Amino acid sequence: MVKPFWKSLTKWLFALIVLPGAVLGFLYHLDGHGFFDLDQIEIVLEDTPAQALHLKPLVAELDRSLELYRGASLWKLDMNLISKAIGGLNWVEVHSLSRNWPSGLVVKIKPQDVKALYLAKNNRFIPVIREGRLLDPVEPKLAPDVAILDGDAFQARADLRKRAIEVLNEIPDDGAFSRKTISEVRWHPKDGFLMKMVRTGLEVKIGDDQIALKANRVGQVLEYLQNRGMNAKSLDANLSKKVLVKLEDGTQSAILR
């Protein structure tokens, strides 16, 4: 009875100590010969529009900064340090890191969603994200296709930029009057928000309240004018139950909607 017991115990000791030790020793040997040295760095952008050209130089800069870790052992890579550095980038909303054995690192990033652009001095385009925060300027040719906030007031007041984003979010995605058809947003202390439309340059005064309702009225009026071959110069939706239309010939009329 004793021999089977010791025989069984020896097997357990081999399985619990010797075998894991041999595996660890083998891994240590491979690590010492560079088998786990970081060789491939992959940066993956998630939930990003295909035409987000402004992100290309940012990703390239991040990739260059990660080159510092190339050749380091994947076992010894300080993931917390790398994560902290990436999390500190103002264009990154959410990110994650994972080791891709035996020699890769995968960085997944959800970039900040650019809601508008602020037109600063010297024609610099500065992305505006939610809460009205400003990112670093981008080259005009790489600027996202979003509305431009025009006016010094937007630079000085983060609360006004935030409100402008909220106003844009209340306007439909598609239609005769939608976020896609707005090229510029301005603000006046008395009149509230004024918008200029793409292509036609039509000015729309929409104020600062009941934005969704007014946007719907403006859309209906634009369709009405288009169906009748009429060209408007400006629309004033900052009124009660009507939209004041100023035509290109200088005449005005109030269209109830």
C-alpha atoms as a PDB file:
ATOM      1  CA  MET A   1       0.000   0.000   0.000  1.00  0.00           C
ATOM      2  CA  VAL A   2       2.899   2.383   0.646  1.00  0.00           C
ATOM      3  CA  LYS A   3       4.510   2.121  -2.759  1.00  0.00           C
ATOM      4  CA  PRO A   4       1.378   3.085  -4.722  1.00  0.00           C
ATOM      5  CA  PHE A   5       0.958   6.083  -2.406  1.00  0.00           C
ATOM      6  CA  TRP A   6       4.504   7.346  -3.009  1.00  0.00           C
ATOM      7  CA  LYS A   7       4.201   6.605  -6.686  1.00  0.00           C
ATOM      8  CA  SER A   8       1.020   8.675  -6.869  1.00  0.00           C
ATOM      9  CA  LEU A   9       2.608  11.471  -4.811  1.00  0.00           C
ATOM     10  CA  THR A  10       5.622  11.548  -7.125  1.00  0.00           C
ATOM     11  CA  LYS A  11       3.347  11.979 -10.125  1.00  0.00           C
ATOM     12  CA  TRP A  12       1.525  14.841  -8.422  1.00  0.00           C
ATOM     13  CA  LEU A  13       4.785  16.543  -7.492  1.00  0.00           C
ATOM     14  CA  PHE A  14       6.010  16.193 -11.053  1.00  0.00           C
ATOM     15  CA  ALA A  15       2.768  17.641 -12.401  1.00  0.00           C
ATOM     16  CA  LEU A  16       2.663  20.515  -9.907  1.00  0.00           C
ATOM     17  CA  ILE A  17       6.333  21.483  -9.656  1.00  0.00           C
ATOM     18  CA  VAL A  18       8.649  19.912 -12.185  1.00  0.00           C
ATOM     19  CA  LEU A  19       6.514  20.298 -15.299  1.00  0.00           C
ATOM     20  CA  PRO A  20       5.498  23.954 -14.693  1.00  0.00           C
ATOM     21  CA  GLY A  21       9.094  24.725 -13.797  1.00  0.00           C
ATOM     22  CA  ALA A  22      10.272  23.205 -17.038  1.00  0.00           C
ATOM     23  CA  VAL A  23       7.700  25.231 -18.995  1.00  0.00           C
ATOM     24  CA  LEU A  24       8.717  28.441 -17.232  1.00  0.00           C
ATOM     25  CA  GLY A  25      12.352  27.652 -17.860  1.00  0.00           C
ATOM     26  CA  PHE A  26      11.642  27.134 -21.546  1.00  0.00           C
ATOM     27  CA  LEU A  27       9.731  30.415 -21.749  1.00  0.00           C
ATOM     28  CA  TYR A  28      12.546  32.190 -19.941  1.00  0.00           C
ATOM     29  CA  HIS A  29      14.983  30.732 -22.466  1.00  0.00           C
ATOM     30  CA  LEU A  30      12.845  31.963 -25.379  1.00  0.00           C
ATOM     31  CA  ASP A  31      12.488  35.383 -23.794  1.00  0.00           C
ATOM     32  CA  GLY A  32      16.233  35.635 -23.363  1.00  0.00           C
ATOM     33  CA  HIS A  33      16.692  34.985 -27.075  1.00  0.00           C
ATOM     34  CA  GLY A  34      14.205  37.690 -28.139  1.00  0.00           C
ATOM     35  CA  PHE A  35      11.288  35.425 -29.022  1.00  0.00           C
ATOM     36  CA  PHE A  36       8.845  37.707 -27.146  1.00  0.00           C
ATOM     37  CA  ASP A  37      10.399  41.025 -28.164  1.00  0.00           C
ATOM     38  CA  LEU A  38       7.779  43.494 -29.391  1.00  0.00           C
ATOM     39  CA  ASP A  39       7.867  43.497 -33.173  1.00  0.00           C
ATOM     40  CA  GLN A  40       4.349  44.347 -34.384  1.00  0.00           C
ATOM     41  CA  ILE A  41       2.310  47.347 -33.205  1.00  0.00           C
ATOM     42  CA  GLU A  42      -1.246  47.580 -34.493  1.00  0.00           C
ATOM     43  CA  ILE A  43      -3.432  50.643 -33.943  1.00  0.00           C
ATOM     44  CA  VAL A  44      -7.122  50.033 -34.575  1.00  0.00           C
ATOM     45  CA  LEU A  45      -9.643  52.906 -34.790  1.00  0.00           C
ATOM     46  CA  GLU A  46     -13.173  51.967 -33.792  1.00  0.00           C
ATOM     47  CA  ASP A  47     -16.483  53.703 -34.619  1.00  0.00           C
ATOM     48  CA  THR A  48     -14.701  56.084 -36.980  1.00  0.00           C
ATOM     49  CA  PRO A  49     -16.008  57.515 -40.279  1.00  0.00           C
ATOM     50  CA  ALA A  50     -14.046  56.407 -43.331  1.00  0.00           C
ATOM     51  CA  GLN A  51     -13.251  60.030 -44.267  1.00  0.00           C
ATOM     52  CA  ALA A  52     -11.799  61.035 -40.884  1.00  0.00           C
ATOM     53  CA  LEU A  53      -8.614  62.346 -42.516  1.00  0.00           C
ATOM     54  CA  HIS A  54      -7.738  64.535 -39.532  1.00  0.00           C
ATOM     55  CA  LEU A  55      -6.926  61.389 -37.566  1.00  0.00           C
ATOM     56  CA  LYS A  56      -4.155  60.204 -39.899  1.00  0.00           C
ATOM     57  CA  PRO A  57      -1.382  62.493 -38.563  1.00  0.00           C
ATOM     58  CA  LEU A  58      -2.525  61.832 -34.988  1.00  0.00           C
ATOM     59  CA  VAL A  59      -2.329  58.069 -35.456  1.00  0.00           C
ATOM     60  CA  ALA A  60       1.059  58.434 -37.173  1.00  0.00           C
ATOM     61  CA  GLU A  61       2.364  60.461 -34.225  1.00  0.00           C
ATOM     62  CA  LEU A  62       1.082  57.869 -31.767  1.00  0.00           C
ATOM     63  CA  ASP A  63       2.702  55.112 -33.801  1.00  0.00           C
ATOM     64  CA  ARG A  64       6.038  56.950 -33.683  1.00  0.00           C
ATOM     65  CA  SER A  65       5.780  57.340 -29.903  1.00  0.00           C
ATOM     66  CA  LEU A  66       5.142  53.601 -29.495  1.00  0.00           C
ATOM     67  CA  GLU A  67       8.330  52.819 -31.427  1.00  0.00           C
ATOM     68  CA  LEU A  68      10.100  53.502 -28.139  1.00  0.00           C
ATOM     69  CA  TYR A  69       8.870  50.115 -26.919  1.00  0.00           C
ATOM     70  CA  ARG A  70       9.769  48.130 -30.028  1.00  0.00           C
ATOM     71  CA  GLY A  71      12.239  45.390 -29.114  1.00  0.00           C
ATOM     72  CA  ALA A  72      11.164  45.294 -25.464  1.00  0.00           C
ATOM     73  CA  SER A  73      10.035  41.984 -24.029  1.00  0.00           C
ATOM     74  CA  LEU A  74       6.276  41.596 -24.155  1.00  0.00           C
ATOM     75  CA  TRP A  75       6.493  40.068 -20.671  1.00  0.00           C
ATOM     76  CA  LYS A  76       8.095  43.176 -19.247  1.00  0.00           C
ATOM     77  CA  LEU A  77       6.087  45.770 -21.148  1.00  0.00           C
ATOM     78  CA  ASP A  78       4.624  48.399 -18.784  1.00  0.00           C
ATOM     79  CA  MET A  79       1.037  48.357 -20.025  1.00  0.00           C
ATOM     80  CA  ASN A  80      -0.144  50.818 -17.355  1.00  0.00           C
ATOM     81  CA  LEU A  81       2.434  53.391 -18.428  1.00  0.00           C
ATOM     82  CA  ILE A  82       1.477  53.059 -22.092  1.00  0.00           C
ATOM     83  CA  SER A  83      -2.237  53.201 -21.265  1.00  0.00           C
ATOM     84  CA  LYS A  84      -1.761  56.353 -19.208  1.00  0.00           C
ATOM     85  CA  ALA A  85       0.090  58.059 -22.060  1.00  0.00           C
ATOM     86  CA  ILE A  86      -2.589  57.165 -24.620  1.00  0.00           C
ATOM     87  CA  GLY A  87      -5.389  58.156 -22.250  1.00  0.00           C
ATOM     88  CA  GLY A  88      -3.791  61.598 -21.943  1.00  0.00           C
ATOM     89  CA  LEU A  89      -4.225  62.330 -25.661  1.00  0.00           C
ATOM     90  CA  ASN A  90      -7.088  64.803 -26.067  1.00  0.00           C
ATOM     91  CA  TRP A  91      -8.361  63.173 -29.274  1.00  0.00           C
ATOM     92  CA  VAL A  92      -8.803  59.778 -27.620  1.00  0.00           C
ATOM     93  CA  GLU A  93     -12.160  59.086 -25.968  1.00  0.00           C
ATOM     94  CA  VAL A  94     -11.755  55.401 -25.042  1.00  0.00           C
ATOM     95  CA  HIS A  95      -8.893  52.973 -25.573  1.00  0.00           C
ATOM     96  CA  SER A  96      -7.708  49.489 -24.690  1.00  0.00           C
ATOM     97  CA  LEU A  97      -4.394  47.607 -24.897  1.00  0.00           C
ATOM     98  CA  SER A  98      -3.734  43.909 -25.348  1.00  0.00           C
ATOM     99  CA  ARG A  99      -0.676  41.756 -25.889  1.00  0.00           C
ATOM    100  CA  ASN A 100      -0.832  39.724 -29.089  1.00  0.00           C
ATOM    101  CA  TRP A 101       1.522  36.832 -28.373  1.00  0.00           C
ATOM    102  CA  PRO A 102       4.248  36.142 -29.083  1.00  0.00           C
ATOM    103  CA  SER A 103       5.463  39.587 -30.210  1.00  0.00           C
ATOM    104  CA  GLY A 104       2.575  41.958 -30.911  1.00  0.00           C
ATOM    105  CA  LEU A 105       0.735  44.828 -29.266  1.00  0.00           C
ATOM    106  CA  VAL A 106      -2.816  45.858 -30.230  1.00  0.00           C
ATOM    107  CA  VAL A 107      -4.053  49.354 -29.418  1.00  0.00           C
ATOM    108  CA  LYS A 108      -7.791  49.924 -29.907  1.00  0.00           C
ATOM    109  CA  ILE A 109      -8.974  53.534 -29.883  1.00  0.00           C
ATOM    110  CA  LYS A 110     -12.355  55.215 -30.116  1.00  0.00           C
ATOM    111  CA  PRO A 111     -11.549  58.801 -31.134  1.00  0.00           C
ATOM    112  CA  GLN A 112     -13.454  61.823 -29.917  1.00  0.00           C
ATOM    113  CA  ASP A 113     -16.401  62.601 -32.181  1.00  0.00           C
ATOM    114  CA  VAL A 114     -15.839  65.981 -33.825  1.00  0.00           C
ATOM    115  CA  LYS A 115     -19.132  67.879 -33.742  1.00  0.00           C
ATOM    116  CA  ALA A 116     -18.011  71.142 -35.351  1.00  0.00           C
ATOM    117  CA  LEU A 117     -14.973  73.214 -36.292  1.00  0.00           C
ATOM    118  CA  TYR A 118     -14.042  76.553 -34.798  1.00  0.00           C
ATOM    119  CA  LEU A 119     -12.606  78.969 -37.344  1.00  0.00           C
ATOM    120  CA  ALA A 120      -9.768  80.731 -35.525  1.00  0.00           C
ATOM    121  CA  LYS A 121      -7.426  83.458 -36.703  1.00  0.00           C
ATOM    122  CA  ASN A 122      -5.174  82.774 -39.696  1.00  0.00           C
ATOM    123  CA  ASN A 123      -7.865  80.390 -41.004  1.00  0.00           C
ATOM    124  CA  ARG A 124      -6.988  77.710 -38.478  1.00  0.00           C
ATOM    125  CA  PHE A 125      -9.584  74.990 -38.074  1.00  0.00           C
ATOM    126  CA  ILE A 126      -9.952  73.701 -34.518  1.00  0.00           C
ATOM    127  CA  PRO A 127     -12.131  70.602 -33.923  1.00  0.00           C
ATOM    128  CA  VAL A 128     -14.860  70.984 -31.311  1.00  0.00           C
ATOM    129  CA  ILE A 129     -16.064  67.927 -29.417  1.00  0.00           C
ATOM    130  CA  ARG A 130     -18.895  67.438 -26.958  1.00  0.00           C
ATOM    131  CA  GLU A 131     -18.993  69.705 -23.927  1.00  0.00           C
ATOM    132  CA  GLY A 132     -17.520  72.354 -26.226  1.00  0.00           C
ATOM    133  CA  ARG A 133     -13.920  71.240 -25.739  1.00  0.00           C
ATOM    134  CA  LEU A 134     -11.328  72.251 -28.325  1.00  0.00           C
ATOM    135  CA  LEU A 135      -8.761  69.875 -29.801  1.00  0.00           C
ATOM    136  CA  ASP A 136      -5.525  70.765 -31.588  1.00  0.00           C
ATOM    137  CA  PRO A 137      -5.818  72.644 -34.927  1.00  0.00           C
ATOM    138  CA  VAL A 138      -5.961  70.597 -38.132  1.00  0.00           C
ATOM    139  CA  GLU A 139      -4.953  71.437 -41.680  1.00  0.00           C
ATOM    140  CA  PRO A 140      -7.859  72.709 -43.804  1.00  0.00           C
ATOM    141  CA  LYS A 141      -7.466  69.838 -46.289  1.00  0.00           C
ATOM    142  CA  LEU A 142      -7.823  67.330 -43.433  1.00  0.00           C
ATOM    143  CA  ALA A 143     -10.690  69.064 -41.638  1.00  0.00           C
ATOM    144  CA  PRO A 144     -13.796  66.933 -40.939  1.00  0.00           C
ATOM    145  CA  ASP A 145     -16.921  67.705 -42.947  1.00  0.00           C
ATOM    146  CA  VAL A 146     -18.900  69.409 -40.178  1.00  0.00           C
ATOM    147  CA  ALA A 147     -20.336  72.873 -39.575  1.00  0.00           C
ATOM    148  CA  ILE A 148     -17.966  75.755 -38.763  1.00  0.00           C
ATOM    149  CA  LEU A 149     -18.448  77.912 -35.666  1.00  0.00           C
ATOM    150  CA  ASP A 150     -17.600  81.415 -36.839  1.00  0.00           C
ATOM    151  CA  GLY A 151     -17.026  84.308 -34.429  1.00  0.00           C
ATOM    152  CA  ASP A 152     -14.738  85.349 -31.574  1.00  0.00           C
ATOM    153  CA  ALA A 153     -17.423  84.571 -29.004  1.00  0.00           C
ATOM    154  CA  PHE A 154     -16.960  80.857 -29.635  1.00  0.00           C
ATOM    155  CA  GLN A 155     -13.266  81.082 -28.761  1.00  0.00           C
ATOM    156  CA  ALA A 156     -13.831  82.847 -25.456  1.00  0.00           C
ATOM    157  CA  ARG A 157     -16.817  80.845 -24.203  1.00  0.00           C
ATOM    158  CA  ALA A 158     -16.777  77.082 -23.819  1.00  0.00           C
ATOM    159  CA  ASP A 159     -20.415  77.199 -22.688  1.00  0.00           C
ATOM    160  CA  LEU A 160     -21.397  78.820 -25.983  1.00  0.00           C
ATOM    161  CA  ARG A 161     -19.546  76.162 -27.974  1.00  0.00           C
ATOM    162  CA  LYS A 162     -21.319  73.510 -25.913  1.00  0.00           C
ATOM    163  CA  ARG A 163     -24.679  75.132 -26.591  1.00  0.00           C
ATOM    164  CA  ALA A 164     -23.896  75.337 -30.311  1.00  0.00           C
ATOM    165  CA  ILE A 165     -23.225  71.582 -30.326  1.00  0.00           C
ATOM    166  CA  GLU A 166     -26.510  70.968 -28.496  1.00  0.00           C
ATOM    167  CA  VAL A 167     -28.359  73.099 -31.057  1.00  0.00           C
ATOM    168  CA  LEU A 168     -26.789  71.194 -33.962  1.00  0.00           C
ATOM    169  CA  ASN A 169     -27.728  67.891 -32.326  1.00  0.00           C
ATOM    170  CA  GLU A 170     -31.397  68.967 -32.269  1.00  0.00           C
ATOM    171  CA  ILE A 171     -31.383  69.486 -36.036  1.00  0.00           C
ATOM    172  CA  PRO A 172     -32.231  66.390 -38.171  1.00  0.00           C
ATOM    173  CA  ASP A 173     -29.501  64.307 -39.804  1.00  0.00           C
ATOM    174  CA  ASP A 174     -31.139  64.500 -43.230  1.00  0.00           C
ATOM    175  CA  GLY A 175     -33.631  66.636 -45.079  1.00  0.00           C
ATOM    176  CA  ALA A 176     -33.932  70.044 -46.721  1.00  0.00           C
ATOM    177  CA  PHE A 177     -32.674  71.638 -43.508  1.00  0.00           C
ATOM    178  CA  SER A 178     -30.303  69.302 -41.698  1.00  0.00           C
ATOM    179  CA  ARG A 179     -26.822  69.151 -40.205  1.00  0.00           C
ATOM    180  CA  LYS A 180     -25.539  68.072 -43.612  1.00  0.00           C
ATOM    181  CA  THR A 181     -26.835  71.259 -45.232  1.00  0.00           C
ATOM    182  CA  ILE A 182     -25.341  73.679 -42.659  1.00  0.00           C
ATOM    183  CA  SER A 183     -21.923  75.146 -43.430  1.00  0.00           C
ATOM    184  CA  GLU A 184     -21.560  77.850 -40.759  1.00  0.00           C
ATOM    185  CA  VAL A 185     -22.972  78.720 -37.355  1.00  0.00           C
ATOM    186  CA  ARG A 186     -22.795  82.217 -35.905  1.00  0.00           C
ATOM    187  CA  TRP A 187     -24.163  83.693 -32.704  1.00  0.00           C
ATOM    188  CA  HIS A 188     -25.661  87.069 -31.873  1.00  0.00           C
ATOM    189  CA  PRO A 189     -26.500  88.169 -28.300  1.00  0.00           C
ATOM    190  CA  LYS A 190     -29.947  89.355 -29.393  1.00  0.00           C
ATOM    191  CA  ASP A 191     -30.918  86.934 -32.165  1.00  0.00           C
ATOM    192  CA  GLY A 192     -29.313  83.756 -30.888  1.00  0.00           C
ATOM    193  CA  PHE A 193     -27.911  81.285 -33.425  1.00  0.00           C
ATOM    194  CA  LEU A 194     -27.745  82.056 -37.131  1.00  0.00           C
ATOM    195  CA  MET A 195     -26.809  79.450 -39.709  1.00  0.00           C
ATOM    196  CA  LYS A 196     -25.599  79.550 -43.297  1.00  0.00           C
ATOM    197  CA  MET A 197     -26.441  76.730 -45.654  1.00  0.00           C
ATOM    198  CA  VAL A 198     -24.121  74.891 -47.993  1.00  0.00           C
ATOM    199  CA  ARG A 199     -24.206  75.760 -51.722  1.00  0.00           C
ATOM    200  CA  THR A 200     -26.866  78.497 -51.594  1.00  0.00           C
ATOM    201  CA  GLY A 201     -25.375  80.533 -48.733  1.00  0.00           C
ATOM    202  CA  LEU A 202     -28.939  80.997 -47.433  1.00  0.00           C
ATOM    203  CA  GLU A 203     -28.995  82.482 -43.925  1.00  0.00           C
ATOM    204  CA  VAL A 204     -31.327  80.988 -41.331  1.00  0.00           C
ATOM    205  CA  LYS A 205     -32.049  82.683 -38.008  1.00  0.00           C
ATOM    206  CA  ILE A 206     -33.076  79.957 -35.589  1.00  0.00           C
ATOM    207  CA  GLY A 207     -32.620  81.524 -32.139  1.00  0.00           C
ATOM    208  CA  ASP A 208     -31.806  79.504 -29.024  1.00  0.00           C
ATOM    209  CA  ASP A 209     -34.941  77.576 -28.071  1.00  0.00           C
ATOM    210  CA  GLN A 210     -37.392  75.071 -29.581  1.00  0.00           C
ATOM    211  CA  ILE A 211     -34.691  74.198 -32.101  1.00  0.00           C
ATOM    212  CA  ALA A 212     -36.197  70.894 -33.274  1.00  0.00           C
ATOM    213  CA  LEU A 213     -39.582  72.526 -33.923  1.00  0.00           C
ATOM    214  CA  LYS A 214     -38.050  75.473 -35.789  1.00  0.00           C
ATOM    215  CA  ALA A 215     -35.764  73.219 -37.817  1.00  0.00           C
ATOM    216  CA  ASN A 216     -38.791  71.216 -38.943  1.00  0.00           C
ATOM    217  CA  ARG A 217     -40.557  74.439 -39.998  1.00  0.00           C
ATOM    218  CA  VAL A 218     -37.512  75.622 -41.917  1.00  0.00           C
ATOM    219  CA  GLY A 219     -37.289  72.279 -43.729  1.00  0.00           C
ATOM    220  CA  GLN A 220     -40.932  72.502 -44.783  1.00  0.00           C
ATOM    221  CA  VAL A 221     -40.523  76.095 -45.982  1.00  0.00           C
ATOM    222  CA  LEU A 222     -37.436  75.194 -48.026  1.00  0.00           C
ATOM    223  CA  GLU A 223     -39.310  72.355 -49.704  1.00  0.00           C
ATOM    224  CA  TYR A 224     -42.215  74.729 -50.376  1.00  0.00           C
ATOM    225  CA  LEU A 225     -39.921  77.287 -52.006  1.00  0.00           C
ATOM    226  CA  GLN A 226     -38.056  74.657 -54.012  1.00  0.00           C
ATOM    227  CA  ASN A 227     -41.275  73.171 -55.387  1.00  0.00           C
ATOM    228  CA  ARG A 228     -42.286  76.616 -56.631  1.00  0.00           C
ATOM    229  CA  GLY A 229     -38.902  77.567 -58.032  1.00  0.00           C
ATOM    230  CA  MET A 230     -38.464  80.421 -55.538  1.00  0.00           C
ATOM    231  CA  ASN A 231     -35.040  81.462 -54.261  1.00  0.00           C
ATOM    232  CA  ALA A 232     -34.727  82.830 -50.741  1.00  0.00           C
ATOM    233  CA  LYS A 233     -31.945  85.017 -49.372  1.00  0.00           C
ATOM    234  CA  SER A 234     -32.725  84.490 -45.690  1.00  0.00           C
ATOM    235  CA  LEU A 235     -35.185  82.808 -43.359  1.00  0.00           C
ATOM    236  CA  ASP A 236     -36.168  83.939 -39.880  1.00  0.00           C
ATOM    237  CA  ALA A 237     -37.533  81.006 -37.872  1.00  0.00           C
ATOM    238  CA  ASN A 238     -37.073  82.775 -34.549  1.00  0.00           C
ATOM    239  CA  LEU A 239     -40.742  83.749 -34.571  1.00  0.00           C
ATOM    240  CA  SER A 240     -43.979  82.334 -33.201  1.00  0.00           C
ATOM    241  CA  LYS A 241     -45.645  79.782 -35.501  1.00  0.00           C
ATOM    242  CA  LYS A 242     -44.213  81.187 -38.718  1.00  0.00           C
ATOM    243  CA  VAL A 243     -41.072  81.614 -40.789  1.00  0.00           C
ATOM    244  CA  LEU A 244     -40.293  84.999 -42.308  1.00  0.00           C
ATOM    245  CA  VAL A 245     -38.895  84.557 -45.817  1.00  0.00           C
ATOM    246  CA  LYS A 246     -36.806  87.193 -47.597  1.00  0.00           C
ATOM    247  CA  LEU A 247     -36.537  86.420 -51.285  1.00  0.00           C
ATOM    248  CA  GLU A 248     -33.609  87.284 -53.512  1.00  0.00           C
ATOM    249  CA  ASP A 249     -35.669  89.980 -55.248  1.00  0.00           C
ATOM    250  CA  GLY A 250     -35.983  91.806 -51.922  1.00  0.00           C
ATOM    251  CA  THR A 251     -39.623  90.940 -51.178  1.00  0.00           C
ATOM    252  CA  GLN A 252     -40.655  89.383 -47.882  1.00  0.00           C
ATOM    253  CA  SER A 253     -43.460  87.079 -46.852  1.00  0.00           C
ATOM    254  CA  ALA A 254     -44.428  85.153 -43.761  1.00  0.00           C
ATOM    255  CA  ILE A 255     -45.132  81.481 -44.338  1.00  0.00           C
ATOM    256  CA  LEU A 256     -47.086  79.780 -41.586  1.00  0.00           C
ATOM    257  CA  ARG A 257     -45.935  76.275 -40.706  1.00  0.00           C
END
